[in-house]
Amino acid sequence: IIGGDVQLKGNLVTTGEVQFDGRMEGDLHCGSLTIGESAEVTGSVVAETVIIHGKLKGTIRARRVRLERTAKVQGDVWHEIISI
């Protein structure tokens, strides 16, 4: 869990699960990603599963993508399964 008061510049790589609630400029590569409602991410996302509640400006590459009611996404979405 990365809290709402965190501002990150750079890339984050992990095989685990990430819940991101802060602001980020960079790429996220992880097993599972949840972008919180207050989060703002600029960069590409690569994960098995992506759930977006907040803002993302960049490319998503994931097997499963779920865009929630509050999601704002600018960019390409590559997926097998999508839920909006």
N, C-alpha and C. Protein backbone atom coordinates (compact mmCIF):
# COMPACT_ATOMS: atom_id res chain seq x y z
N ILE A 1 0.86 -1.18 0.00
CA ILE A 1 0.00 0.00 0.00
C ILE A 1 0.90 1.23 0.00
N ILE A 2 0.67 2.09 -0.99
CA ILE A 2 1.42 3.34 -1.08
C ILE A 2 0.41 4.46 -0.86
N GLY A 3 0.58 5.19 0.23
CA GLY A 3 -0.40 6.16 0.71
C GLY A 3 -0.56 7.40 -0.15
N GLY A 4 -1.62 8.13 0.13
CA GLY A 4 -1.99 9.32 -0.61
C GLY A 4 -1.02 10.48 -0.48
N ASP A 5 -0.17 10.49 0.54
CA ASP A 5 0.78 11.58 0.72
C ASP A 5 2.10 11.33 0.00
N VAL A 6 2.22 10.22 -0.73
CA VAL A 6 3.47 9.85 -1.41
C VAL A 6 3.47 10.42 -2.83
N GLN A 7 4.59 11.06 -3.19
CA GLN A 7 4.82 11.51 -4.56
C GLN A 7 6.07 10.79 -5.05
N LEU A 8 5.92 10.03 -6.15
CA LEU A 8 6.98 9.16 -6.63
C LEU A 8 7.34 9.52 -8.06
N LYS A 9 8.64 9.69 -8.32
CA LYS A 9 9.15 9.88 -9.68
C LYS A 9 10.12 8.74 -9.94
N GLY A 10 9.80 7.92 -10.93
CA GLY A 10 10.62 6.76 -11.23
C GLY A 10 9.73 5.56 -11.46
N ASN A 11 10.34 4.40 -11.63
CA ASN A 11 9.61 3.18 -11.92
C ASN A 11 9.47 2.31 -10.69
N LEU A 12 8.38 1.55 -10.63
CA LEU A 12 8.13 0.62 -9.54
C LEU A 12 7.91 -0.75 -10.14
N VAL A 13 8.74 -1.73 -9.74
CA VAL A 13 8.65 -3.09 -10.27
C VAL A 13 8.56 -4.07 -9.11
N THR A 14 7.53 -4.94 -9.15
CA THR A 14 7.36 -5.98 -8.14
C THR A 14 6.49 -7.09 -8.73
N THR A 15 6.62 -8.28 -8.19
CA THR A 15 5.75 -9.37 -8.63
C THR A 15 4.49 -9.44 -7.78
N GLY A 16 4.43 -8.63 -6.75
CA GLY A 16 3.31 -8.67 -5.81
C GLY A 16 2.17 -7.74 -6.17
N GLU A 17 1.32 -7.51 -5.17
CA GLU A 17 0.14 -6.67 -5.31
C GLU A 17 0.44 -5.27 -4.81
N VAL A 18 -0.01 -4.25 -5.56
CA VAL A 18 0.22 -2.85 -5.19
C VAL A 18 -1.10 -2.11 -5.16
N GLN A 19 -1.32 -1.37 -4.07
CA GLN A 19 -2.42 -0.41 -4.02
C GLN A 19 -1.77 0.96 -3.95
N PHE A 20 -2.02 1.77 -4.98
CA PHE A 20 -1.36 3.07 -5.08
C PHE A 20 -2.38 4.18 -4.91
N ASP A 21 -2.16 5.06 -3.93
CA ASP A 21 -3.08 6.15 -3.65
C ASP A 21 -2.45 7.53 -3.79
N GLY A 22 -1.17 7.60 -4.14
CA GLY A 22 -0.47 8.88 -4.23
C GLY A 22 -0.39 9.41 -5.65
N ARG A 23 0.71 10.13 -5.93
CA ARG A 23 0.97 10.68 -7.26
C ARG A 23 2.27 10.08 -7.78
N MET A 24 2.27 9.73 -9.06
CA MET A 24 3.45 9.06 -9.62
C MET A 24 3.68 9.48 -11.05
N GLU A 25 4.96 9.70 -11.37
CA GLU A 25 5.42 9.89 -12.74
C GLU A 25 6.42 8.79 -13.01
N GLY A 26 6.01 7.78 -13.76
CA GLY A 26 6.86 6.64 -14.04
C GLY A 26 6.02 5.42 -14.35
N ASP A 27 6.70 4.30 -14.57
CA ASP A 27 6.03 3.06 -14.97
C ASP A 27 5.83 2.13 -13.78
N LEU A 28 4.70 1.42 -13.80
CA LEU A 28 4.38 0.43 -12.77
C LEU A 28 4.30 -0.95 -13.41
N HIS A 29 5.10 -1.89 -12.92
CA HIS A 29 5.07 -3.28 -13.38
C HIS A 29 4.86 -4.13 -12.13
N CYS A 30 3.70 -4.82 -12.06
CA CYS A 30 3.41 -5.60 -10.86
C CYS A 30 2.45 -6.73 -11.20
N GLY A 31 2.22 -7.60 -10.22
CA GLY A 31 1.29 -8.71 -10.40
C GLY A 31 -0.15 -8.23 -10.45
N SER A 32 -0.51 -7.37 -9.52
CA SER A 32 -1.87 -6.84 -9.43
C SER A 32 -1.77 -5.39 -8.97
N LEU A 33 -2.58 -4.52 -9.58
CA LEU A 33 -2.51 -3.09 -9.26
C LEU A 33 -3.90 -2.53 -9.04
N THR A 34 -4.05 -1.78 -7.94
CA THR A 34 -5.25 -0.99 -7.70
C THR A 34 -4.82 0.46 -7.58
N ILE A 35 -5.38 1.31 -8.41
CA ILE A 35 -5.12 2.75 -8.35
C ILE A 35 -6.30 3.38 -7.64
N GLY A 36 -6.04 3.97 -6.48
CA GLY A 36 -7.09 4.53 -5.63
C GLY A 36 -7.74 5.77 -6.22
N GLU A 37 -8.87 6.15 -5.64
CA GLU A 37 -9.67 7.27 -6.14
C GLU A 37 -8.92 8.60 -6.12
N SER A 38 -8.05 8.80 -5.16
CA SER A 38 -7.30 10.06 -5.06
C SER A 38 -5.97 10.01 -5.81
N ALA A 39 -5.63 8.88 -6.42
CA ALA A 39 -4.34 8.70 -7.08
C ALA A 39 -4.30 9.34 -8.46
N GLU A 40 -3.07 9.77 -8.84
CA GLU A 40 -2.81 10.30 -10.17
C GLU A 40 -1.52 9.67 -10.66
N VAL A 41 -1.60 8.92 -11.75
CA VAL A 41 -0.44 8.22 -12.29
C VAL A 41 -0.22 8.66 -13.73
N THR A 42 1.02 9.03 -14.05
CA THR A 42 1.41 9.34 -15.42
C THR A 42 2.52 8.37 -15.79
N GLY A 43 2.23 7.45 -16.71
CA GLY A 43 3.19 6.43 -17.11
C GLY A 43 2.48 5.17 -17.54
N SER A 44 3.24 4.16 -17.90
CA SER A 44 2.63 2.91 -18.35
C SER A 44 2.45 1.94 -17.18
N VAL A 45 1.44 1.08 -17.34
CA VAL A 45 1.12 0.07 -16.33
C VAL A 45 1.13 -1.30 -17.00
N VAL A 46 1.86 -2.24 -16.41
CA VAL A 46 1.87 -3.62 -16.87
C VAL A 46 1.58 -4.50 -15.66
N ALA A 47 0.50 -5.29 -15.73
CA ALA A 47 0.11 -6.14 -14.61
C ALA A 47 -0.83 -7.22 -15.10
N GLU A 48 -1.02 -8.24 -14.28
CA GLU A 48 -1.99 -9.28 -14.58
C GLU A 48 -3.40 -8.72 -14.45
N THR A 49 -3.65 -7.99 -13.36
CA THR A 49 -4.96 -7.40 -13.08
C THR A 49 -4.78 -5.94 -12.71
N VAL A 50 -5.61 -5.06 -13.29
CA VAL A 50 -5.56 -3.63 -12.99
C VAL A 50 -6.97 -3.15 -12.66
N ILE A 51 -7.12 -2.48 -11.52
CA ILE A 51 -8.38 -1.87 -11.12
C ILE A 51 -8.10 -0.38 -10.93
N ILE A 52 -8.87 0.47 -11.62
CA ILE A 52 -8.60 1.91 -11.56
C ILE A 52 -9.82 2.63 -11.01
N HIS A 53 -9.57 3.39 -9.94
CA HIS A 53 -10.58 4.27 -9.35
C HIS A 53 -10.22 5.73 -9.61
N GLY A 54 -8.94 6.02 -9.81
CA GLY A 54 -8.44 7.38 -9.94
C GLY A 54 -8.07 7.75 -11.36
N LYS A 55 -6.98 8.54 -11.50
CA LYS A 55 -6.56 9.07 -12.80
C LYS A 55 -5.30 8.37 -13.29
N LEU A 56 -5.31 8.02 -14.57
CA LEU A 56 -4.14 7.42 -15.21
C LEU A 56 -3.97 8.03 -16.59
N LYS A 57 -2.77 8.53 -16.86
CA LYS A 57 -2.43 9.04 -18.18
C LYS A 57 -1.27 8.20 -18.68
N GLY A 58 -1.57 7.26 -19.59
CA GLY A 58 -0.56 6.36 -20.09
C GLY A 58 -1.16 5.07 -20.60
N THR A 59 -0.32 4.10 -20.89
CA THR A 59 -0.74 2.83 -21.47
C THR A 59 -0.95 1.78 -20.39
N ILE A 60 -2.00 0.98 -20.57
CA ILE A 60 -2.27 -0.15 -19.69
C ILE A 60 -2.12 -1.42 -20.50
N ARG A 61 -1.33 -2.36 -19.99
CA ARG A 61 -1.21 -3.70 -20.58
C ARG A 61 -1.49 -4.69 -19.45
N ALA A 62 -2.66 -5.36 -19.56
CA ALA A 62 -3.05 -6.28 -18.49
C ALA A 62 -3.99 -7.34 -19.03
N ARG A 63 -4.02 -8.46 -18.34
CA ARG A 63 -4.96 -9.52 -18.72
C ARG A 63 -6.39 -9.07 -18.40
N ARG A 64 -6.58 -8.54 -17.19
CA ARG A 64 -7.89 -8.06 -16.75
C ARG A 64 -7.80 -6.60 -16.36
N VAL A 65 -8.73 -5.79 -16.87
CA VAL A 65 -8.79 -4.37 -16.54
C VAL A 65 -10.20 -4.05 -16.07
N ARG A 66 -10.29 -3.35 -14.93
CA ARG A 66 -11.58 -2.90 -14.43
C ARG A 66 -11.51 -1.40 -14.18
N LEU A 67 -12.35 -0.65 -14.89
CA LEU A 67 -12.43 0.80 -14.72
C LEU A 67 -13.67 1.12 -13.91
N GLU A 68 -13.47 1.67 -12.74
CA GLU A 68 -14.58 1.99 -11.85
C GLU A 68 -15.22 3.33 -12.25
N ARG A 69 -16.31 3.65 -11.63
CA ARG A 69 -17.10 4.85 -11.93
C ARG A 69 -16.27 6.14 -11.87
N THR A 70 -15.33 6.22 -10.96
CA THR A 70 -14.54 7.43 -10.77
C THR A 70 -13.26 7.45 -11.60
N ALA A 71 -13.02 6.43 -12.40
CA ALA A 71 -11.77 6.32 -13.18
C ALA A 71 -11.75 7.33 -14.32
N LYS A 72 -10.54 7.90 -14.54
CA LYS A 72 -10.29 8.78 -15.67
C LYS A 72 -9.00 8.30 -16.31
N VAL A 73 -9.11 7.74 -17.52
CA VAL A 73 -7.96 7.15 -18.20
C VAL A 73 -7.76 7.83 -19.54
N GLN A 74 -6.51 8.27 -19.79
CA GLN A 74 -6.11 8.81 -21.09
C GLN A 74 -4.99 7.93 -21.60
N GLY A 75 -5.22 7.22 -22.71
CA GLY A 75 -4.18 6.36 -23.25
C GLY A 75 -4.76 5.07 -23.78
N ASP A 76 -3.88 4.20 -24.25
CA ASP A 76 -4.27 2.92 -24.81
C ASP A 76 -4.44 1.87 -23.71
N VAL A 77 -5.41 0.98 -23.91
CA VAL A 77 -5.66 -0.12 -22.98
C VAL A 77 -5.59 -1.43 -23.75
N TRP A 78 -4.58 -2.26 -23.44
CA TRP A 78 -4.42 -3.58 -24.03
C TRP A 78 -4.89 -4.59 -23.00
N HIS A 79 -5.86 -5.45 -23.36
CA HIS A 79 -6.48 -6.32 -22.37
C HIS A 79 -7.04 -7.58 -23.02
N GLU A 80 -7.29 -8.61 -22.22
CA GLU A 80 -8.09 -9.76 -22.62
C GLU A 80 -9.52 -9.58 -22.15
N ILE A 81 -9.67 -9.12 -20.91
CA ILE A 81 -10.99 -8.91 -20.29
C ILE A 81 -11.05 -7.48 -19.76
N ILE A 82 -12.14 -6.78 -20.10
CA ILE A 82 -12.30 -5.41 -19.58
C ILE A 82 -13.70 -5.25 -19.00
N SER A 83 -13.78 -4.50 -17.90
CA SER A 83 -15.05 -4.19 -17.26
C SER A 83 -15.06 -2.68 -17.01
N ILE A 84 -16.12 -2.04 -17.48
CA ILE A 84 -16.21 -0.58 -17.32
C ILE A 84 -17.50 -0.25 -16.59
